[in-house]
Protein backbone atom coordinates (compact mmCIF):
# COMPACT_ATOMS: atom_id res chain seq x y z
CA MET A 1 -3.50 18.09 9.62
CA ASN A 2 -1.94 14.66 9.20
CA LYS A 3 -3.20 13.54 5.81
CA SER A 4 -1.82 10.02 6.15
CA PHE A 5 -4.23 9.48 9.04
CA LEU A 6 -7.08 11.94 8.53
CA LEU A 7 -7.84 12.14 4.84
CA PHE A 8 -10.35 9.62 3.68
CA VAL A 9 -11.44 8.46 0.26
CA SER A 10 -15.08 8.26 -0.71
CA LEU A 11 -15.40 5.46 -3.19
CA SER A 12 -18.18 4.26 -5.37
CA ILE A 13 -16.48 1.44 -7.28
CA VAL A 14 -18.12 -0.02 -10.32
CA LEU A 15 -16.55 -2.68 -12.51
CA GLY A 16 -15.64 -1.15 -15.83
CA CYS A 17 -14.04 -2.16 -19.12
CA GLY A 18 -17.09 -4.13 -20.25
CA GLY A 19 -15.65 -7.63 -19.99
CA SER A 20 -14.79 -10.39 -17.60
CA SER A 21 -11.81 -10.04 -15.29
CA ASN A 22 -10.09 -12.82 -17.23
CA SER A 23 -10.34 -11.06 -20.57
CA ASP A 24 -9.34 -7.78 -18.93
CA ASN A 25 -6.17 -9.42 -17.66
CA SER A 26 -5.45 -11.67 -20.64
CA ASN A 27 -2.06 -10.07 -21.37
CA SER A 28 -0.69 -10.59 -17.85
CA ILE A 29 2.52 -12.56 -17.56
CA PRO A 30 3.20 -14.49 -14.35
CA LEU A 31 6.65 -14.23 -12.82
CA GLU A 32 8.69 -17.32 -12.03
CA THR A 33 7.79 -16.79 -8.37
CA GLY A 34 4.11 -17.35 -9.23
CA PHE A 35 3.14 -13.71 -8.64
CA ASN A 36 0.30 -13.21 -11.10
CA PRO A 37 -2.30 -10.68 -9.94
CA LYS A 38 -5.58 -10.15 -11.70
CA CYS A 39 -6.24 -6.57 -12.76
CA THR A 40 -9.52 -4.88 -13.48
CA THR A 41 -10.24 -1.39 -14.72
CA TYR A 42 -12.54 0.53 -12.39
CA ASN A 43 -14.71 3.56 -12.75
CA THR A 44 -14.31 5.38 -9.45
CA THR A 45 -15.66 8.36 -7.66
CA ILE A 46 -12.85 9.51 -5.40
CA THR A 47 -12.73 12.55 -3.19
CA ILE A 48 -9.39 13.61 -4.58
CA TYR A 49 -7.37 16.77 -4.32
CA PRO A 50 -6.08 18.47 -6.48
CA SER A 51 -8.31 18.34 -9.54
CA PRO A 52 -9.77 15.09 -10.96
CA TYR A 53 -7.51 12.80 -12.94
CA GLU A 54 -7.98 11.98 -16.61
CA GLY A 55 -6.24 8.61 -17.03
CA THR A 56 -7.16 5.01 -16.16
CA LEU A 57 -7.05 3.48 -12.69
CA ARG A 58 -6.72 -0.31 -12.34
CA ARG A 59 -6.97 -2.47 -9.24
CA CYS A 60 -4.69 -5.50 -9.19
CA TYR A 61 -4.96 -8.23 -6.58
CA THR A 62 -3.82 -11.67 -5.54
CA SER A 63 -5.34 -13.77 -2.78
CA ASP A 64 -3.89 -11.55 -0.03
CA ARG A 65 -2.23 -8.52 -1.65
CA GLN A 66 -3.41 -5.63 -3.80
CA PHE A 67 -2.12 -2.56 -5.57
CA TYR A 68 -3.44 0.07 -7.94
CA VAL A 69 -1.91 1.13 -11.26
CA TYR A 70 -2.61 4.59 -12.64
CA LEU A 71 -2.04 4.95 -16.39
CA PRO A 72 -1.85 8.58 -17.55
CA GLU A 73 -4.33 9.98 -20.01
CA ASP A 74 -2.01 9.55 -23.02
CA TYR A 75 -0.67 6.09 -22.05
CA SER A 76 -0.11 3.72 -24.98
CA GLU A 77 1.17 0.16 -25.29
CA VAL A 78 3.10 1.15 -28.41
CA GLY A 79 5.91 3.66 -28.77
CA SER A 80 8.28 4.90 -26.11
CA SER A 81 8.08 3.26 -22.69
CA TYR A 82 6.94 5.22 -19.64
CA PRO A 83 8.83 5.91 -16.42
CA ALA A 84 7.03 4.68 -13.31
CA MET A 85 7.00 5.15 -9.56
CA PHE A 86 5.63 3.76 -6.32
CA SER A 87 3.58 6.05 -4.10
CA LEU A 88 3.61 4.39 -0.66
CA HIS A 89 1.11 5.16 2.08
CA GLY A 90 1.90 5.76 5.74
CA TYR A 91 1.36 3.60 8.82
CA THR A 92 -2.33 2.69 9.39
CA SER A 93 -3.20 4.30 6.04
CA THR A 94 -4.25 2.89 2.66
CA ALA A 95 -3.30 3.09 -0.99
CA LEU A 96 -6.57 4.86 -1.77
CA THR A 97 -6.01 7.48 0.91
CA ASN A 98 -2.49 8.07 -0.40
CA MET A 99 -3.97 8.45 -3.86
CA SER A 100 -6.40 11.10 -2.62
CA TYR A 101 -3.88 13.69 -1.38
CA THR A 102 -0.47 13.17 -2.99
CA GLY A 103 -1.27 14.76 -6.36
CA PHE A 104 0.76 12.28 -8.42
CA MET A 105 -2.12 11.38 -10.73
CA LYS A 106 -2.37 14.97 -11.90
CA GLN A 107 1.40 15.10 -12.43
CA ALA A 108 1.27 11.78 -14.28
CA ASP A 109 -1.28 13.17 -16.74
CA ILE A 110 0.90 16.22 -17.33
CA ASN A 111 4.25 14.43 -17.55
CA ASP A 112 3.37 10.95 -18.87
CA PHE A 113 4.46 8.54 -16.18
CA VAL A 114 2.80 5.59 -14.45
CA VAL A 115 2.02 5.54 -10.72
CA ILE A 116 1.68 2.35 -8.66
CA TYR A 117 -0.12 2.57 -5.31
CA PRO A 118 0.56 -0.65 -3.32
CA GLN A 119 -1.36 -1.63 -0.20
CA GLY A 120 0.54 -2.64 2.94
CA LEU A 121 -0.50 -5.46 5.26
CA VAL A 122 -1.50 -5.17 8.92
CA HIS A 123 1.42 -5.36 11.35
CA GLU A 124 1.21 -8.75 13.04
CA SER A 125 1.95 -7.55 16.58
CA LYS A 126 1.19 -3.82 16.58
CA GLY A 127 -1.78 -3.70 14.23
CA GLY A 128 -2.21 -1.07 11.53
CA THR A 129 -1.34 -1.32 7.86
CA HIS A 130 2.37 -0.81 7.33
CA TRP A 131 5.59 -1.45 5.43
CA ASN A 132 8.15 -3.56 7.28
CA THR A 133 11.49 -1.75 7.38
CA ASP A 134 12.89 -3.78 10.25
CA GLU A 135 14.26 -7.29 10.50
CA ILE A 136 11.79 -9.96 9.34
CA GLY A 137 11.08 -12.37 12.17
CA PRO A 138 8.82 -13.19 15.13
CA GLY A 139 6.19 -10.53 15.62
CA ASN A 140 6.40 -9.29 12.05
CA SER A 141 7.08 -11.78 9.27
CA VAL A 142 5.74 -9.43 6.56
CA ASN A 143 8.26 -9.24 3.70
CA SER A 144 7.48 -5.85 2.18
CA ILE A 145 10.55 -5.92 -0.07
CA GLU A 146 9.50 -9.20 -1.68
CA PHE A 147 5.99 -7.91 -2.38
CA LEU A 148 7.08 -4.56 -3.81
CA GLU A 149 9.83 -6.10 -5.92
CA SER A 150 7.30 -8.57 -7.32
CA VAL A 151 4.95 -5.70 -8.17
CA LEU A 152 7.79 -3.77 -9.82
CA ASP A 153 8.87 -6.76 -11.93
CA TRP A 154 5.31 -7.72 -12.85
CA VAL A 155 4.33 -4.19 -13.89
CA GLY A 156 7.48 -4.07 -16.03
CA GLN A 157 6.38 -7.23 -17.84
CA ASN A 158 2.73 -6.27 -18.27
CA TYR A 159 2.83 -2.56 -19.08
CA ASN A 160 4.91 -0.35 -21.34
CA ILE A 161 7.30 0.63 -18.54
CA ASP A 162 10.92 1.80 -18.67
CA LEU A 163 12.46 -0.18 -15.80
CA ASP A 164 15.62 1.94 -16.01
CA ARG A 165 13.45 4.79 -14.73
CA PHE A 166 11.60 3.39 -11.74
CA TYR A 167 11.27 5.49 -8.59
CA SER A 168 9.72 5.33 -5.12
CA ALA A 169 8.12 8.05 -3.02
CA GLY A 170 6.23 7.75 0.22
CA MET A 171 4.81 9.54 3.21
CA SER A 172 5.86 8.67 6.75
CA ASN A 173 6.21 4.85 6.89
CA GLY A 174 6.08 4.96 3.07
CA GLY A 175 9.12 7.25 3.14
CA PHE A 176 10.90 4.79 5.43
CA MET A 177 10.07 2.04 2.94
CA SER A 178 11.39 4.05 0.01
CA TYR A 179 14.76 4.27 1.75
CA HIS A 180 14.53 0.55 2.51
CA LEU A 181 13.98 -0.22 -1.18
CA ALA A 182 16.93 1.96 -2.21
CA CYS A 183 19.10 -0.03 0.21
CA ASN A 184 17.83 -3.51 -0.66
CA ILE A 185 16.90 -3.54 -4.36
CA THR A 186 19.26 -0.73 -5.31
CA SER A 187 19.72 -1.89 -8.91
CA LYS A 188 15.98 -1.39 -9.56
CA ILE A 189 15.36 1.99 -7.91
CA SER A 190 16.66 5.07 -9.74
CA ALA A 191 15.73 7.69 -7.11
CA ILE A 192 13.58 7.99 -4.00
CA ALA A 193 11.71 10.67 -2.09
CA SER A 194 10.59 10.62 1.53
CA VAL A 195 8.00 13.01 2.94
CA THR A 196 7.95 12.99 6.76
CA GLY A 197 9.80 9.66 6.78
CA SER A 198 13.32 8.67 7.78
CA MET A 199 15.52 5.55 7.93
CA SER A 200 14.91 2.90 10.56
CA VAL A 201 18.03 1.97 12.49
CA PHE A 202 17.83 -1.47 10.84
CA THR A 203 17.75 0.05 7.34
CA TYR A 204 20.54 2.48 8.20
CA ASP A 205 22.82 -0.18 9.69
CA ASN A 206 22.27 -2.68 6.87
CA CYS A 207 22.12 -0.42 3.82
CA ASN A 208 24.17 -1.43 0.79
CA ALA A 209 23.17 0.97 -1.96
CA GLN A 210 24.71 2.07 -5.20
CA PRO A 211 24.81 5.86 -5.72
CA THR A 212 21.13 6.81 -5.63
CA SER A 213 19.45 10.19 -5.78
CA VAL A 214 17.49 11.00 -2.62
CA MET A 215 15.04 13.76 -1.69
CA GLN A 216 13.79 14.34 1.85
CA ILE A 217 10.90 16.70 2.71
CA HIS A 218 10.46 17.33 6.41
CA GLY A 219 8.74 19.80 8.71
CA SER A 220 10.31 21.45 11.73
CA VAL A 221 7.40 20.62 14.05
CA ASP A 222 6.79 17.01 13.03
CA THR A 223 6.00 15.22 16.30
CA ILE A 224 5.25 11.82 14.71
CA VAL A 225 8.66 11.47 13.03
CA PRO A 226 10.76 14.13 14.80
CA TYR A 227 13.53 15.73 12.76
CA ASP A 228 16.12 14.64 15.34
CA GLY A 229 15.02 11.01 15.26
CA THR A 230 14.24 8.61 18.09
CA VAL A 231 16.58 5.78 19.03
CA SER A 232 16.12 3.71 22.20
CA ALA A 233 18.92 2.55 24.48
CA SER A 234 18.73 -0.84 22.77
CA GLY A 235 19.26 0.77 19.37
CA VAL A 236 15.68 0.47 18.09
CA GLY A 237 14.01 3.38 16.34
CA PHE A 238 14.86 5.73 13.50
CA LYS A 239 17.65 8.10 12.61
CA GLY A 240 17.51 11.88 12.62
CA ILE A 241 17.26 13.61 9.25
CA GLU A 242 20.75 15.11 9.54
CA ASP A 243 22.13 11.57 9.95
CA VAL A 244 20.14 10.45 6.90
CA MET A 245 21.47 13.31 4.78
CA GLU A 246 25.02 12.61 5.93
CA PHE A 247 24.61 8.92 5.13
CA TRP A 248 23.42 9.45 1.57
CA SER A 249 25.78 12.30 0.72
CA SER A 250 28.66 10.06 1.89
CA ASN A 251 27.25 6.94 0.21
CA ASN A 252 26.92 8.89 -3.04
CA ILE A 253 30.42 10.38 -2.70
CA CYS A 254 29.04 13.93 -2.88
CA ASN A 255 30.60 17.25 -2.04
CA LEU A 256 29.79 17.35 1.68
CA GLU A 257 29.33 21.14 1.59
CA PRO A 258 25.80 21.60 0.24
CA SER A 259 24.32 24.63 -1.41
CA ILE A 260 21.51 26.11 0.69
CA GLU A 261 18.81 28.50 -0.42
CA THR A 262 15.87 30.04 1.43
CA LEU A 263 12.48 29.08 0.09
CA PRO A 264 10.03 31.85 -0.81
CA ASP A 265 7.20 32.32 1.68
CA ILE A 266 4.40 31.39 -0.72
CA SER A 267 2.00 30.71 2.14
CA ALA A 268 2.58 34.23 3.52
CA ASN A 269 2.56 32.88 7.08
CA GLY A 270 5.82 34.56 8.03
CA VAL A 271 7.99 31.42 7.83
CA SER A 272 9.32 29.37 4.94
CA GLY A 273 12.26 26.99 5.05
CA THR A 274 15.41 25.97 3.23
CA HIS A 275 16.36 23.83 0.27
CA ARG A 276 19.68 22.02 0.65
CA ILE A 277 21.44 20.31 -2.29
CA TYR A 278 24.43 17.98 -2.10
CA SER A 279 25.92 17.77 -5.59
CA GLU A 280 29.12 16.70 -7.39
CA CYS A 281 28.22 13.11 -6.48
CA ALA A 282 29.14 9.83 -8.15
CA ASN A 283 27.27 9.35 -11.44
CA ASP A 284 26.07 12.95 -10.99
CA VAL A 285 23.28 11.88 -8.61
CA GLU A 286 22.03 14.32 -5.95
CA VAL A 287 20.84 14.47 -2.36
CA GLN A 288 18.26 17.14 -1.52
CA LEU A 289 16.52 18.26 1.66
CA TYR A 290 13.50 20.54 1.91
CA PHE A 291 13.26 21.70 5.53
CA LEU A 292 9.95 23.47 6.16
CA GLU A 293 9.48 25.78 9.12
CA GLY A 294 6.22 25.43 11.02
CA VAL A 295 5.12 22.27 9.15
CA GLY A 296 4.20 19.10 11.01
CA HIS A 297 3.55 15.52 9.91
CA ASP A 298 1.94 16.50 6.64
CA TRP A 299 2.18 16.24 2.86
CA PRO A 300 2.84 19.82 1.70
CA GLU A 301 0.92 21.02 -1.35
CA ASN A 302 0.48 24.65 -2.36
CA TYR A 303 -3.25 24.79 -2.83
CA GLU A 304 -5.93 26.74 -0.99
CA VAL A 305 -8.33 25.46 1.65
CA ASP A 306 -11.70 24.49 0.21
CA GLY A 307 -14.36 21.80 0.43
CA ASN A 308 -12.40 19.25 -1.60
CA GLY A 309 -9.89 18.22 1.04
CA GLY A 310 -7.22 20.87 0.63
CA THR A 311 -5.74 21.89 3.97
CA GLY A 312 -3.80 25.03 3.24
CA LEU A 313 -1.26 26.91 1.21
CA TYR A 314 2.27 25.57 1.65
CA ASP A 315 5.57 26.84 0.32
CA ILE A 316 6.11 23.81 -1.94
CA ASN A 317 4.07 21.39 -4.03
CA SER A 318 5.45 17.98 -3.05
CA ALA A 319 4.23 15.99 -6.06
CA GLU A 320 5.55 18.56 -8.51
CA ILE A 321 9.02 18.89 -7.01
CA ILE A 322 9.35 15.14 -6.47
CA TRP A 323 8.55 14.32 -10.07
CA THR A 324 10.81 17.10 -11.38
CA PHE A 325 13.57 15.59 -9.24
CA PHE A 326 12.91 12.00 -10.35
CA ASN A 327 12.81 12.99 -14.00
CA ASN A 328 16.50 13.93 -13.89
CA PHE A 329 17.74 10.42 -13.10
CA ASP A 330 17.82 6.82 -14.31
CA GLN A 331 19.70 3.71 -13.25
CA LEU A 332 23.00 5.11 -14.52
CA GLY A 333 22.65 8.36 -12.59
CA ARG A 334 21.79 11.71 -14.13
CA ARG A 335 20.03 11.38 -17.48
CA GLN A 336 21.90 12.76 -20.45
C-alpha cells in the first residue's frame, strides 16, 4: 500500500492552550524577511500508527503557508538544546498524513528531538501538493527552498533548537526535496534520508553540497519512483538510485567500495534485502542504502497489520533507523 497516497488522518481539532493565539505566540521572533507565522497548540485526535504520541503538537501558519511542530514529551525551553528534523510528505499528500504513518513522533518522545512537518503547495500546472525540486519558472514558481529555509531559521529562533543538528527526511517527493535541501542549503542540513525518493535531474546537475551524510531506503518493486530512474530524451526526470549513491559517495570523498550486509528476514516472507554502507568519507560522514526486496512505493515499518492503519511487517523500521543514523552527525560531520 502506498501510504503517501492512501493513508488518511482523522482529525478533530480543538484550540488548546487556554489563551488567545496572540498570547500563545508572544515569544515568536520575526525574521528579517518578514516570515512570522502564528502558532497555536492544538488538542488533536489523529488516527496515528504506531502508538499515540505524548508530546505537544503545534500548528503554525502564515497567510498562505503552514507547518506543524512536534515538541517531545520532555521538551523544555531551558537546558540543552534539541536536535530537529523536517519530515516531508509526498506528492499530493499532506503534512498530517505524513505525521500519521512515519513514526517520528514516537521516536521523538523516546530520543528527545523536535519534528517539523511542513505543508507543500499545489503545483501550479500539474495540480497536487508538492515540493518543487526543479527550476523555478513558468508553470511552477513555487520556491520550496525559500519556504523551508524560513521555517528552519524561524524554528531555530523560537524554540530551543540546536541548529548544528538539523536534518531532513521525506517520502517520495519529500525524499527528492531532502536531497534538494542538502544541495542548496548545505550549511544548514547535517544529514538527510529519502524513502522511495531520488534526485531530480535538475537537483543532480546543479548540486553543490559539502560532505553530507545520506541515507536512501528503496524497494525493488517501486513503480512510482523506479529504482533505475526515469529520464526523458530531453533530460527531464529523475536519476536511478545507483547514480544517486555514486554521486554522494563521490561528493563525500568516500571509499567507493561499500560494505554490504544481508538484512534479516523479519517479515518471514522469504525475501529481505541488503544494507550498503559507504564509509571512510570526508569528515567521517556516511552514505547508506537500504534496498528492500519485494517492497513497493511504501514507508517500511516493522509492525503488524491491525485496525490502526498498520499495513504489514517489514524488515526495517524506517523512523528508528533514520533517527539512529541522523543522531551520529552534525554540521561538522560525525559527532564526537
